[in-house]
Amino acid sequence: MDKCNFIDAWLVGGNKNTGSTASQIYYLTHQILKLTSHLESHSEDYSSQRGLRKLLGKRKRLLIYLSNDNTVLYAKILKDLGIRGLKSL
């Protein structure tokens, strides 16, 4: 539980809501990084490749929602996590 509190404090200024869009994007990015490093050494792990594609799709949907709902927080998350923005839809 301490890890969740740290993540929320770092990302959204002390918000305890782990179900918020920003927190979910952070958690998904962390999982994506872990799976990417796993796949570098296990390139033929097709189950993990499928899981990675599913996580990327879920994060993309959350980013689309956040970009429509709160553009300031969207820009802050992109900068903090170092991920690319969405293509123009």
N, C-alpha and C. Protein backbone atom coordinates (compact mmCIF):
# COMPACT_ATOMS: atom_id res chain seq x y z
N MET A 1 0.82 -1.20 0.00
CA MET A 1 0.00 0.00 0.00
C MET A 1 0.86 1.25 0.00
N ASP A 2 2.06 1.17 0.54
CA ASP A 2 2.95 2.32 0.57
C ASP A 2 3.33 2.75 -0.84
N LYS A 3 3.50 1.79 -1.75
CA LYS A 3 3.84 2.09 -3.13
C LYS A 3 2.73 2.90 -3.81
N CYS A 4 1.47 2.53 -3.54
CA CYS A 4 0.34 3.25 -4.13
C CYS A 4 0.30 4.69 -3.64
N ASN A 5 0.55 4.89 -2.36
CA ASN A 5 0.55 6.25 -1.82
C ASN A 5 1.66 7.09 -2.43
N PHE A 6 2.83 6.50 -2.62
CA PHE A 6 3.95 7.23 -3.21
C PHE A 6 3.63 7.63 -4.64
N ILE A 7 3.07 6.71 -5.41
CA ILE A 7 2.76 6.98 -6.81
C ILE A 7 1.73 8.10 -6.92
N ASP A 8 0.69 8.03 -6.11
CA ASP A 8 -0.34 9.06 -6.16
C ASP A 8 0.20 10.42 -5.75
N ALA A 9 1.04 10.45 -4.72
CA ALA A 9 1.61 11.71 -4.27
C ALA A 9 2.50 12.30 -5.35
N TRP A 10 3.25 11.46 -6.03
CA TRP A 10 4.16 11.94 -7.06
C TRP A 10 3.42 12.44 -8.29
N LEU A 11 2.36 11.72 -8.67
CA LEU A 11 1.72 12.00 -9.94
C LEU A 11 0.62 13.06 -9.85
N VAL A 12 -0.27 12.92 -8.91
CA VAL A 12 -1.42 13.82 -8.87
C VAL A 12 -1.51 14.63 -7.59
N GLY A 13 -0.41 14.91 -6.97
CA GLY A 13 -0.41 15.82 -5.84
C GLY A 13 -1.11 15.31 -4.61
N GLY A 14 -0.95 14.06 -4.25
CA GLY A 14 -1.51 13.55 -3.00
C GLY A 14 -2.90 12.98 -3.12
N ASN A 15 -3.45 12.87 -4.31
CA ASN A 15 -4.77 12.29 -4.48
C ASN A 15 -4.70 10.80 -4.13
N LYS A 16 -5.58 10.34 -3.25
CA LYS A 16 -5.55 8.94 -2.80
C LYS A 16 -6.34 8.02 -3.72
N ASN A 17 -6.91 8.55 -4.78
CA ASN A 17 -7.76 7.77 -5.68
C ASN A 17 -6.90 7.00 -6.67
N THR A 18 -6.69 5.72 -6.42
CA THR A 18 -5.87 4.91 -7.33
C THR A 18 -6.63 4.53 -8.59
N GLY A 19 -7.92 4.80 -8.62
CA GLY A 19 -8.72 4.51 -9.82
C GLY A 19 -8.76 5.67 -10.78
N SER A 20 -8.09 6.76 -10.45
CA SER A 20 -8.11 7.91 -11.35
C SER A 20 -7.40 7.58 -12.64
N THR A 21 -7.74 8.30 -13.68
CA THR A 21 -7.17 8.04 -15.00
C THR A 21 -5.65 8.20 -14.98
N ALA A 22 -5.16 9.23 -14.31
CA ALA A 22 -3.72 9.48 -14.25
C ALA A 22 -2.99 8.34 -13.56
N SER A 23 -3.53 7.84 -12.47
CA SER A 23 -2.89 6.74 -11.76
C SER A 23 -2.89 5.46 -12.60
N GLN A 24 -3.99 5.20 -13.29
CA GLN A 24 -4.06 4.02 -14.13
C GLN A 24 -3.05 4.08 -15.26
N ILE A 25 -2.86 5.27 -15.84
CA ILE A 25 -1.88 5.43 -16.92
C ILE A 25 -0.48 5.18 -16.37
N TYR A 26 -0.20 5.67 -15.17
CA TYR A 26 1.12 5.44 -14.59
C TYR A 26 1.36 3.95 -14.35
N TYR A 27 0.38 3.26 -13.77
CA TYR A 27 0.54 1.83 -13.49
C TYR A 27 0.73 1.04 -14.78
N LEU A 28 -0.06 1.37 -15.81
CA LEU A 28 0.07 0.66 -17.09
C LEU A 28 1.43 0.91 -17.72
N THR A 29 1.95 2.13 -17.61
CA THR A 29 3.26 2.44 -18.16
C THR A 29 4.33 1.63 -17.44
N HIS A 30 4.20 1.50 -16.12
CA HIS A 30 5.15 0.70 -15.36
C HIS A 30 5.11 -0.76 -15.81
N GLN A 31 3.92 -1.31 -16.00
CA GLN A 31 3.79 -2.69 -16.46
C GLN A 31 4.33 -2.86 -17.88
N ILE A 32 4.11 -1.87 -18.73
CA ILE A 32 4.60 -1.93 -20.11
C ILE A 32 6.12 -1.95 -20.12
N LEU A 33 6.74 -1.15 -19.28
CA LEU A 33 8.20 -1.14 -19.21
C LEU A 33 8.74 -2.48 -18.73
N LYS A 34 8.08 -3.07 -17.75
CA LYS A 34 8.52 -4.39 -17.26
C LYS A 34 8.39 -5.45 -18.35
N LEU A 35 7.27 -5.46 -19.06
CA LEU A 35 7.09 -6.45 -20.11
C LEU A 35 8.06 -6.23 -21.27
N THR A 36 8.35 -4.98 -21.59
CA THR A 36 9.29 -4.68 -22.67
C THR A 36 10.67 -5.21 -22.33
N SER A 37 11.11 -5.01 -21.10
CA SER A 37 12.42 -5.52 -20.72
C SER A 37 12.43 -7.05 -20.71
N HIS A 38 11.32 -7.67 -20.34
CA HIS A 38 11.23 -9.13 -20.38
C HIS A 38 11.34 -9.63 -21.81
N LEU A 39 10.68 -8.95 -22.74
CA LEU A 39 10.65 -9.40 -24.13
C LEU A 39 11.98 -9.18 -24.83
N GLU A 40 12.84 -8.31 -24.30
CA GLU A 40 14.16 -8.14 -24.89
C GLU A 40 14.98 -9.41 -24.77
N SER A 41 14.82 -10.13 -23.68
CA SER A 41 15.58 -11.36 -23.49
C SER A 41 14.79 -12.61 -23.88
N HIS A 42 13.46 -12.51 -24.00
CA HIS A 42 12.62 -13.64 -24.38
C HIS A 42 11.76 -13.23 -25.57
N SER A 43 12.39 -13.11 -26.72
CA SER A 43 11.70 -12.53 -27.89
C SER A 43 10.60 -13.43 -28.45
N GLU A 44 10.60 -14.70 -28.14
CA GLU A 44 9.58 -15.59 -28.68
C GLU A 44 8.47 -15.92 -27.68
N ASP A 45 8.33 -15.12 -26.67
CA ASP A 45 7.27 -15.30 -25.68
C ASP A 45 6.01 -14.62 -26.21
N TYR A 46 5.22 -15.37 -26.98
CA TYR A 46 4.09 -14.78 -27.68
C TYR A 46 2.95 -14.40 -26.74
N SER A 47 2.83 -15.08 -25.62
CA SER A 47 1.80 -14.71 -24.66
C SER A 47 2.09 -13.34 -24.05
N SER A 48 3.34 -13.08 -23.78
CA SER A 48 3.71 -11.77 -23.24
C SER A 48 3.56 -10.69 -24.30
N GLN A 49 3.81 -11.03 -25.56
CA GLN A 49 3.63 -10.06 -26.63
C GLN A 49 2.16 -9.66 -26.74
N ARG A 50 1.28 -10.64 -26.61
CA ARG A 50 -0.15 -10.36 -26.66
C ARG A 50 -0.56 -9.50 -25.47
N GLY A 51 -0.05 -9.84 -24.29
CA GLY A 51 -0.35 -9.04 -23.11
C GLY A 51 0.14 -7.61 -23.24
N LEU A 52 1.31 -7.43 -23.85
CA LEU A 52 1.85 -6.09 -24.06
C LEU A 52 0.96 -5.29 -24.99
N ARG A 53 0.49 -5.92 -26.07
CA ARG A 53 -0.41 -5.22 -27.01
C ARG A 53 -1.71 -4.82 -26.32
N LYS A 54 -2.23 -5.68 -25.44
CA LYS A 54 -3.45 -5.36 -24.72
C LYS A 54 -3.24 -4.17 -23.78
N LEU A 55 -2.10 -4.16 -23.08
CA LEU A 55 -1.80 -3.05 -22.17
C LEU A 55 -1.63 -1.74 -22.94
N LEU A 56 -0.96 -1.81 -24.09
CA LEU A 56 -0.77 -0.61 -24.90
C LEU A 56 -2.11 -0.06 -25.38
N GLY A 57 -3.02 -0.95 -25.77
CA GLY A 57 -4.34 -0.51 -26.20
C GLY A 57 -5.14 0.13 -25.07
N LYS A 58 -5.04 -0.46 -23.89
CA LYS A 58 -5.75 0.08 -22.74
C LYS A 58 -5.21 1.46 -22.37
N ARG A 59 -3.86 1.60 -22.38
CA ARG A 59 -3.27 2.90 -22.07
C ARG A 59 -3.65 3.93 -23.12
N LYS A 60 -3.71 3.52 -24.38
CA LYS A 60 -4.09 4.45 -25.45
C LYS A 60 -5.52 4.95 -25.25
N ARG A 61 -6.42 4.05 -24.90
CA ARG A 61 -7.81 4.47 -24.66
C ARG A 61 -7.90 5.44 -23.49
N LEU A 62 -7.12 5.19 -22.43
CA LEU A 62 -7.13 6.11 -21.29
C LEU A 62 -6.53 7.45 -21.67
N LEU A 63 -5.49 7.46 -22.50
CA LEU A 63 -4.89 8.72 -22.94
C LEU A 63 -5.86 9.52 -23.81
N ILE A 64 -6.61 8.83 -24.66
CA ILE A 64 -7.61 9.52 -25.48
C ILE A 64 -8.65 10.17 -24.58
N TYR A 65 -9.13 9.43 -23.60
CA TYR A 65 -10.12 9.97 -22.67
C TYR A 65 -9.56 11.19 -21.93
N LEU A 66 -8.33 11.07 -21.44
CA LEU A 66 -7.74 12.15 -20.68
C LEU A 66 -7.48 13.37 -21.55
N SER A 67 -7.07 13.17 -22.79
CA SER A 67 -6.81 14.32 -23.67
C SER A 67 -8.10 15.09 -23.97
N ASN A 68 -9.22 14.40 -24.01
CA ASN A 68 -10.50 15.07 -24.24
C ASN A 68 -11.04 15.71 -22.97
N ASP A 69 -10.70 15.13 -21.82
CA ASP A 69 -11.27 15.58 -20.55
C ASP A 69 -10.44 16.66 -19.87
N ASN A 70 -9.11 16.48 -19.81
CA ASN A 70 -8.25 17.39 -19.07
C ASN A 70 -6.90 17.51 -19.79
N THR A 71 -6.78 18.48 -20.67
CA THR A 71 -5.58 18.59 -21.50
C THR A 71 -4.35 19.00 -20.71
N VAL A 72 -4.52 19.72 -19.63
CA VAL A 72 -3.37 20.14 -18.81
C VAL A 72 -2.73 18.92 -18.14
N LEU A 73 -3.57 18.09 -17.52
CA LEU A 73 -3.07 16.87 -16.88
C LEU A 73 -2.50 15.91 -17.91
N TYR A 74 -3.11 15.86 -19.09
CA TYR A 74 -2.61 15.01 -20.17
C TYR A 74 -1.19 15.41 -20.55
N ALA A 75 -0.96 16.69 -20.72
CA ALA A 75 0.38 17.18 -21.09
C ALA A 75 1.38 16.91 -19.97
N LYS A 76 0.95 17.07 -18.72
CA LYS A 76 1.83 16.82 -17.58
C LYS A 76 2.24 15.34 -17.51
N ILE A 77 1.30 14.45 -17.75
CA ILE A 77 1.60 13.02 -17.71
C ILE A 77 2.56 12.64 -18.82
N LEU A 78 2.33 13.15 -20.02
CA LEU A 78 3.23 12.84 -21.13
C LEU A 78 4.65 13.30 -20.82
N LYS A 79 4.78 14.47 -20.22
CA LYS A 79 6.10 14.99 -19.88
C LYS A 79 6.75 14.18 -18.77
N ASP A 80 5.99 13.88 -17.72
CA ASP A 80 6.55 13.16 -16.57
C ASP A 80 6.95 11.72 -16.93
N LEU A 81 6.14 11.04 -17.71
CA LEU A 81 6.42 9.66 -18.03
C LEU A 81 7.35 9.51 -19.24
N GLY A 82 7.49 10.56 -20.02
CA GLY A 82 8.35 10.50 -21.19
C GLY A 82 7.79 9.63 -22.31
N ILE A 83 6.48 9.67 -22.50
CA ILE A 83 5.86 8.88 -23.57
C ILE A 83 5.37 9.84 -24.66
N ARG A 84 5.21 9.29 -25.85
CA ARG A 84 4.75 10.10 -26.98
C ARG A 84 3.28 10.42 -26.83
N GLY A 85 2.89 11.53 -27.40
CA GLY A 85 1.48 11.89 -27.41
C GLY A 85 0.74 11.13 -28.49
N LEU A 86 -0.55 11.31 -28.51
CA LEU A 86 -1.38 10.64 -29.49
C LEU A 86 -1.27 11.33 -30.84
N LYS A 87 -1.45 10.56 -31.90
CA LYS A 87 -1.56 11.16 -33.21
C LYS A 87 -2.87 11.90 -33.28
N SER A 88 -2.96 12.88 -34.14
CA SER A 88 -4.23 13.61 -34.23
C SER A 88 -5.31 12.67 -34.73
N LEU A 89 -6.42 12.69 -34.05
CA LEU A 89 -7.49 11.74 -34.34
C LEU A 89 -8.42 12.29 -35.38
